[in-house]
N, C-alpha and C. Protein backbone atom coordinates (compact mmCIF):
# COMPACT_ATOMS: atom_id res chain seq x y z
N UNK A 1 -40.41 15.61 4.70
CA UNK A 1 -39.47 14.69 5.33
C UNK A 1 -38.04 15.28 5.43
N UNK A 2 -37.48 15.14 6.67
CA UNK A 2 -36.19 15.72 6.93
C UNK A 2 -35.15 14.79 6.35
N UNK A 3 -34.07 15.38 5.73
CA UNK A 3 -32.99 14.59 5.17
C UNK A 3 -32.19 14.08 6.31
N UNK A 4 -31.56 12.90 6.24
CA UNK A 4 -30.85 12.35 7.35
C UNK A 4 -29.50 13.14 7.52
N UNK A 5 -29.11 14.05 6.59
CA UNK A 5 -27.85 14.73 6.71
C UNK A 5 -28.03 16.13 7.40
N UNK A 6 -29.21 16.50 7.67
CA UNK A 6 -29.56 17.79 8.37
C UNK A 6 -28.95 17.83 9.86
N UNK A 7 -29.12 16.76 10.55
CA UNK A 7 -28.40 16.70 11.94
C UNK A 7 -26.96 16.80 11.82
N UNK A 8 -26.42 16.15 10.87
CA UNK A 8 -24.96 16.19 10.76
C UNK A 8 -24.47 17.48 10.39
N UNK A 9 -25.15 18.19 9.42
CA UNK A 9 -24.76 19.54 9.09
C UNK A 9 -24.93 20.53 10.21
N UNK A 10 -25.96 20.33 11.09
CA UNK A 10 -26.18 21.26 12.16
C UNK A 10 -25.03 20.98 13.22
N UNK A 11 -24.62 19.77 13.41
CA UNK A 11 -23.62 19.52 14.34
C UNK A 11 -22.28 20.22 13.88
N UNK A 12 -22.07 20.06 12.47
CA UNK A 12 -20.83 20.68 12.00
C UNK A 12 -20.86 22.25 12.14
N UNK A 13 -22.01 22.83 11.84
CA UNK A 13 -22.16 24.29 11.90
C UNK A 13 -21.93 24.71 13.41
N UNK A 14 -22.56 23.94 14.38
CA UNK A 14 -22.35 24.36 15.72
C UNK A 14 -20.95 24.11 16.13
N UNK A 15 -20.26 23.16 15.79
CA UNK A 15 -18.89 22.88 16.16
C UNK A 15 -17.93 23.93 15.60
N UNK A 16 -18.08 24.32 14.37
CA UNK A 16 -17.26 25.33 13.71
C UNK A 16 -17.60 26.71 14.40
N UNK A 17 -18.85 26.98 14.62
CA UNK A 17 -19.25 28.20 15.26
C UNK A 17 -18.68 28.41 16.60
N UNK A 18 -18.76 27.30 17.44
CA UNK A 18 -18.19 27.46 18.73
C UNK A 18 -16.67 27.65 18.76
N UNK A 19 -16.05 26.96 17.77
CA UNK A 19 -14.67 27.06 17.68
C UNK A 19 -14.17 28.46 17.33
N UNK A 20 -14.87 29.03 16.35
CA UNK A 20 -14.58 30.33 15.94
C UNK A 20 -14.85 31.34 16.96
N UNK A 21 -15.99 31.20 17.73
CA UNK A 21 -16.33 32.15 18.85
C UNK A 21 -15.25 32.07 19.92
N UNK A 22 -14.86 30.91 20.34
CA UNK A 22 -13.89 30.88 21.42
C UNK A 22 -12.55 31.28 21.07
N UNK A 23 -12.07 30.97 19.82
CA UNK A 23 -10.77 31.51 19.41
C UNK A 23 -10.87 33.08 19.33
N UNK A 24 -11.87 33.63 18.85
CA UNK A 24 -12.04 35.02 18.75
C UNK A 24 -12.16 35.66 20.22
N UNK A 25 -12.81 35.06 21.13
CA UNK A 25 -12.92 35.61 22.50
C UNK A 25 -11.49 35.55 23.10
N UNK A 26 -10.73 34.42 22.93
CA UNK A 26 -9.42 34.38 23.47
C UNK A 26 -8.53 35.34 22.89
N UNK A 27 -8.67 35.70 21.63
CA UNK A 27 -7.85 36.76 20.97
C UNK A 27 -8.19 38.13 21.57
N UNK A 28 -9.36 38.46 21.76
CA UNK A 28 -9.72 39.80 22.27
C UNK A 28 -9.51 39.94 23.79
N UNK A 29 -9.88 38.88 24.58
CA UNK A 29 -9.85 39.05 25.98
C UNK A 29 -8.68 38.39 26.68
N UNK A 30 -7.91 37.69 25.98
CA UNK A 30 -6.75 36.99 26.55
C UNK A 30 -5.53 37.88 26.74
N UNK A 31 -4.62 37.49 27.59
CA UNK A 31 -3.41 38.40 27.82
C UNK A 31 -2.54 38.35 26.64
N UNK A 32 -2.09 39.50 26.20
CA UNK A 32 -1.17 39.53 25.06
C UNK A 32 0.09 40.40 25.51
N UNK A 33 1.08 39.72 25.93
CA UNK A 33 2.33 40.38 26.33
C UNK A 33 3.54 39.86 25.60
N UNK A 34 3.75 40.24 24.33
CA UNK A 34 4.80 39.70 23.57
C UNK A 34 6.14 40.27 24.04
N UNK A 35 7.17 39.46 23.97
CA UNK A 35 8.51 39.93 24.31
C UNK A 35 9.49 39.17 23.38
N UNK A 36 10.77 39.43 23.58
CA UNK A 36 11.80 38.83 22.70
C UNK A 36 11.85 37.36 22.82
N UNK A 37 11.66 36.90 24.10
CA UNK A 37 11.69 35.35 24.31
C UNK A 37 10.61 34.67 23.62
N UNK A 38 9.35 35.23 23.74
CA UNK A 38 8.27 34.58 23.17
C UNK A 38 8.29 34.74 21.62
N UNK A 39 8.92 35.72 20.98
CA UNK A 39 8.96 35.84 19.55
C UNK A 39 10.12 35.05 19.04
N UNK A 40 11.02 34.46 19.76
CA UNK A 40 12.22 33.82 19.19
C UNK A 40 11.79 32.41 18.75
N UNK A 41 12.61 31.90 17.77
CA UNK A 41 12.33 30.60 17.23
C UNK A 41 12.73 29.46 18.24
N UNK A 42 11.95 28.49 18.39
CA UNK A 42 12.29 27.41 19.37
C UNK A 42 11.49 26.12 18.90
N UNK A 43 12.38 25.12 18.87
CA UNK A 43 11.80 23.90 18.26
C UNK A 43 12.44 22.66 19.02
N UNK A 44 11.50 21.79 19.42
CA UNK A 44 11.86 20.50 20.09
C UNK A 44 12.81 20.77 21.27
N UNK A 45 12.55 21.73 22.07
CA UNK A 45 13.37 21.90 23.26
C UNK A 45 14.68 22.49 23.13
N UNK A 46 15.04 22.83 21.90
CA UNK A 46 16.34 23.44 21.63
C UNK A 46 16.23 24.61 20.81
N UNK A 47 17.04 25.69 20.95
CA UNK A 47 16.98 26.77 20.17
C UNK A 47 17.42 26.38 18.70
N UNK A 48 16.81 26.96 17.74
CA UNK A 48 17.19 26.56 16.32
C UNK A 48 18.50 27.14 16.05
N UNK A 49 19.28 26.29 15.30
CA UNK A 49 20.64 26.80 14.87
C UNK A 49 20.82 26.90 13.38
N UNK A 50 19.77 26.43 12.69
CA UNK A 50 19.87 26.42 11.13
C UNK A 50 18.63 27.10 10.63
N UNK A 51 18.62 27.31 9.32
CA UNK A 51 17.43 27.95 8.66
C UNK A 51 16.22 26.98 8.89
N UNK A 52 15.14 27.62 8.82
CA UNK A 52 13.78 26.96 8.93
C UNK A 52 13.55 26.09 7.63
N UNK A 53 14.10 26.52 6.49
CA UNK A 53 13.72 25.95 5.34
C UNK A 53 14.94 25.05 4.88
N UNK A 54 14.98 23.85 5.25
CA UNK A 54 16.12 23.01 4.88
C UNK A 54 15.59 21.73 4.11
N UNK A 55 16.39 21.26 3.29
CA UNK A 55 15.95 20.04 2.40
C UNK A 55 15.86 18.84 3.24
N UNK A 56 14.86 18.06 2.86
CA UNK A 56 14.70 16.67 3.39
C UNK A 56 15.06 15.66 2.36
N UNK A 57 15.42 14.52 2.79
CA UNK A 57 15.70 13.45 1.87
C UNK A 57 14.41 12.98 1.18
N UNK A 58 14.60 12.61 -0.02
CA UNK A 58 13.43 12.00 -0.80
C UNK A 58 12.91 10.80 -0.08
N UNK A 59 13.67 10.02 0.58
CA UNK A 59 13.19 8.87 1.27
C UNK A 59 12.08 9.17 2.28
N UNK A 60 12.27 10.37 2.92
CA UNK A 60 11.27 10.79 3.88
C UNK A 60 9.88 10.82 3.16
N UNK A 61 9.84 11.50 2.10
CA UNK A 61 8.66 11.62 1.29
C UNK A 61 8.09 10.29 0.77
N UNK A 62 9.00 9.43 0.30
CA UNK A 62 8.63 8.22 -0.25
C UNK A 62 7.90 7.36 0.89
N UNK A 63 8.51 7.31 2.13
CA UNK A 63 7.98 6.54 3.19
C UNK A 63 6.60 7.07 3.54
N UNK A 64 6.50 8.37 3.47
CA UNK A 64 5.19 8.97 3.77
C UNK A 64 4.10 8.60 2.79
N UNK A 65 4.46 8.63 1.49
CA UNK A 65 3.47 8.33 0.40
C UNK A 65 3.15 6.87 0.59
N UNK A 66 4.15 5.93 0.80
CA UNK A 66 3.83 4.51 0.93
C UNK A 66 2.95 4.32 2.20
N UNK A 67 3.21 4.99 3.28
CA UNK A 67 2.29 4.83 4.40
C UNK A 67 0.79 5.29 4.02
N UNK A 68 0.62 6.37 3.38
CA UNK A 68 -0.71 6.87 2.94
C UNK A 68 -1.29 5.80 2.04
N UNK A 69 -0.50 5.34 1.09
CA UNK A 69 -0.97 4.36 0.14
C UNK A 69 -1.54 3.11 0.78
N UNK A 70 -0.74 2.45 1.68
CA UNK A 70 -1.18 1.19 2.21
C UNK A 70 -2.08 1.42 3.34
N UNK A 71 -2.17 2.59 4.02
CA UNK A 71 -3.13 2.88 5.00
C UNK A 71 -4.52 3.12 4.33
N UNK A 72 -4.54 3.78 3.20
CA UNK A 72 -5.77 4.02 2.44
C UNK A 72 -6.27 2.75 2.01
N UNK A 73 -5.45 1.82 1.55
CA UNK A 73 -5.95 0.53 1.03
C UNK A 73 -6.48 -0.23 2.11
N UNK A 74 -5.87 -0.16 3.34
CA UNK A 74 -6.43 -0.84 4.44
C UNK A 74 -7.89 -0.40 4.83
N UNK A 75 -8.09 0.81 4.61
CA UNK A 75 -9.39 1.36 4.94
C UNK A 75 -10.57 0.72 4.13
N UNK A 76 -10.14 0.15 2.94
CA UNK A 76 -11.11 -0.49 2.13
C UNK A 76 -11.56 -1.83 2.74
N UNK A 77 -10.91 -2.31 3.71
CA UNK A 77 -11.34 -3.53 4.33
C UNK A 77 -12.58 -3.39 5.18
N UNK A 78 -12.74 -2.22 5.78
CA UNK A 78 -13.89 -1.95 6.63
C UNK A 78 -15.22 -2.09 5.90
N UNK A 79 -15.44 -1.41 4.82
CA UNK A 79 -16.70 -1.61 4.19
C UNK A 79 -16.99 -3.09 3.71
N UNK A 80 -15.96 -3.68 3.39
CA UNK A 80 -16.11 -5.16 3.05
C UNK A 80 -16.57 -6.00 4.26
N UNK A 81 -15.99 -5.64 5.41
CA UNK A 81 -16.40 -6.43 6.55
C UNK A 81 -17.83 -6.05 6.96
N UNK A 82 -18.33 -4.95 6.69
CA UNK A 82 -19.67 -4.59 7.09
C UNK A 82 -20.63 -5.43 6.15
N UNK A 83 -20.37 -5.43 4.89
CA UNK A 83 -21.41 -6.13 4.03
C UNK A 83 -21.10 -7.57 3.94
N UNK A 84 -20.10 -8.11 4.47
CA UNK A 84 -19.79 -9.55 4.36
C UNK A 84 -21.00 -10.38 4.95
N UNK A 85 -21.43 -10.12 6.05
CA UNK A 85 -22.49 -10.78 6.80
C UNK A 85 -23.73 -10.92 5.88
N UNK A 86 -24.05 -9.80 5.22
CA UNK A 86 -25.24 -9.84 4.39
C UNK A 86 -25.04 -10.78 3.18
N UNK A 87 -23.82 -10.76 2.63
CA UNK A 87 -23.46 -11.66 1.46
C UNK A 87 -23.53 -13.12 1.91
N UNK A 88 -23.12 -13.39 3.05
CA UNK A 88 -23.18 -14.81 3.56
C UNK A 88 -24.62 -15.27 3.63
N UNK A 89 -25.51 -14.36 4.15
CA UNK A 89 -26.89 -14.76 4.19
C UNK A 89 -27.53 -14.95 2.86
N UNK A 90 -27.03 -14.02 1.83
CA UNK A 90 -27.58 -14.25 0.50
C UNK A 90 -26.88 -15.40 -0.29
N UNK A 91 -25.87 -15.96 0.26
CA UNK A 91 -25.24 -17.11 -0.50
C UNK A 91 -24.14 -16.63 -1.50
N UNK A 92 -23.64 -15.41 -1.40
CA UNK A 92 -22.66 -14.98 -2.31
C UNK A 92 -21.38 -14.78 -1.62
N UNK A 93 -21.19 -15.44 -0.54
CA UNK A 93 -19.94 -15.24 0.30
C UNK A 93 -18.62 -15.67 -0.45
N UNK A 94 -18.74 -16.71 -1.27
CA UNK A 94 -17.46 -17.19 -1.87
C UNK A 94 -17.01 -16.18 -2.87
N UNK A 95 -17.86 -15.55 -3.53
CA UNK A 95 -17.39 -14.41 -4.62
C UNK A 95 -16.80 -13.33 -3.79
N UNK A 96 -17.48 -12.79 -2.71
CA UNK A 96 -17.05 -11.77 -1.93
C UNK A 96 -15.61 -12.06 -1.36
N UNK A 97 -15.38 -13.20 -0.88
CA UNK A 97 -14.18 -13.75 -0.17
C UNK A 97 -13.06 -13.80 -1.18
N UNK A 98 -13.41 -14.28 -2.45
CA UNK A 98 -12.35 -14.37 -3.46
C UNK A 98 -11.89 -13.01 -3.94
N UNK A 99 -12.85 -12.02 -4.04
CA UNK A 99 -12.52 -10.66 -4.34
C UNK A 99 -11.63 -10.05 -3.39
N UNK A 100 -11.91 -10.31 -2.03
CA UNK A 100 -11.07 -9.66 -0.95
C UNK A 100 -9.66 -10.32 -1.02
N UNK A 101 -9.55 -11.64 -1.28
CA UNK A 101 -8.29 -12.31 -1.33
C UNK A 101 -7.45 -11.78 -2.52
N UNK A 102 -8.12 -11.42 -3.64
CA UNK A 102 -7.47 -10.87 -4.77
C UNK A 102 -6.87 -9.42 -4.42
N UNK A 103 -7.79 -8.67 -3.74
CA UNK A 103 -7.37 -7.34 -3.36
C UNK A 103 -6.16 -7.36 -2.40
N UNK A 104 -6.26 -8.34 -1.31
CA UNK A 104 -5.10 -8.47 -0.41
C UNK A 104 -3.83 -8.91 -1.17
N UNK A 105 -4.08 -9.88 -2.22
CA UNK A 105 -2.95 -10.28 -2.95
C UNK A 105 -2.22 -9.13 -3.71
N UNK A 106 -3.04 -8.21 -4.36
CA UNK A 106 -2.45 -7.03 -4.97
C UNK A 106 -1.75 -6.22 -4.02
N UNK A 107 -2.32 -5.97 -2.88
CA UNK A 107 -1.72 -5.19 -1.78
C UNK A 107 -0.38 -5.76 -1.27
N UNK A 108 -0.44 -7.18 -1.08
CA UNK A 108 0.94 -7.81 -0.68
C UNK A 108 1.84 -7.74 -1.79
N UNK A 109 1.59 -7.87 -3.00
CA UNK A 109 2.52 -7.79 -4.12
C UNK A 109 3.16 -6.41 -4.14
N UNK A 110 2.35 -5.40 -3.97
CA UNK A 110 2.82 -3.99 -3.95
C UNK A 110 3.77 -3.88 -2.82
N UNK A 111 3.50 -4.40 -1.61
CA UNK A 111 4.43 -4.30 -0.40
C UNK A 111 5.66 -5.08 -0.72
N UNK A 112 5.60 -6.24 -1.46
CA UNK A 112 6.93 -7.01 -1.68
C UNK A 112 7.73 -6.25 -2.75
N UNK A 113 6.99 -5.58 -3.72
CA UNK A 113 7.82 -4.79 -4.73
C UNK A 113 8.53 -3.76 -3.98
N UNK A 114 7.82 -2.97 -3.19
CA UNK A 114 8.46 -1.80 -2.46
C UNK A 114 9.61 -2.39 -1.63
N UNK A 115 9.44 -3.46 -1.00
CA UNK A 115 10.44 -4.01 -0.13
C UNK A 115 11.69 -4.46 -0.96
N UNK A 116 11.52 -5.09 -2.07
CA UNK A 116 12.60 -5.51 -2.94
C UNK A 116 13.31 -4.42 -3.61
N UNK A 117 12.53 -3.31 -3.95
CA UNK A 117 13.26 -2.13 -4.52
C UNK A 117 13.91 -1.27 -3.44
N UNK A 118 13.90 -1.63 -2.20
CA UNK A 118 14.57 -0.91 -1.11
C UNK A 118 13.90 0.37 -0.66
N UNK A 119 12.64 0.49 -1.00
CA UNK A 119 11.91 1.74 -0.66
C UNK A 119 11.68 1.80 0.89
N UNK A 120 11.73 0.72 1.62
CA UNK A 120 11.56 0.75 2.98
C UNK A 120 12.91 0.91 3.78
N UNK A 121 13.97 1.01 3.18
CA UNK A 121 15.26 1.17 3.75
C UNK A 121 15.51 2.52 4.01
N UNK A 122 16.09 2.85 5.29
CA UNK A 122 16.39 4.18 5.73
C UNK A 122 17.78 4.72 5.42
N UNK A 123 18.64 3.68 5.03
CA UNK A 123 20.06 4.00 4.84
C UNK A 123 20.30 5.07 3.85
């Protein structure tokens, strides 16, 4: 019996293989004419005027971590939505619905806490 993951792994191997082959072919057969203009630093349509390694505000990282946290928690809603119909048919919908409201309550409490502490302010 073939495992259901074999086609997935074959697709992954084929995708990675084609990617590596085409990158390698472009490296060997593509035009390579480096010059000073191509080698210069250039960012966002403007020549860079400062060092590449500059410090960022901690607020930037805090907002990024909060986005990942709340985005990741929102991903947990999808499996719940998939199994909810089966739980309705089995008669356990009230339990599953109460658990989801508890999860959303904790998520909302975390959001309110971050909001009250000023974590979402850019000032």
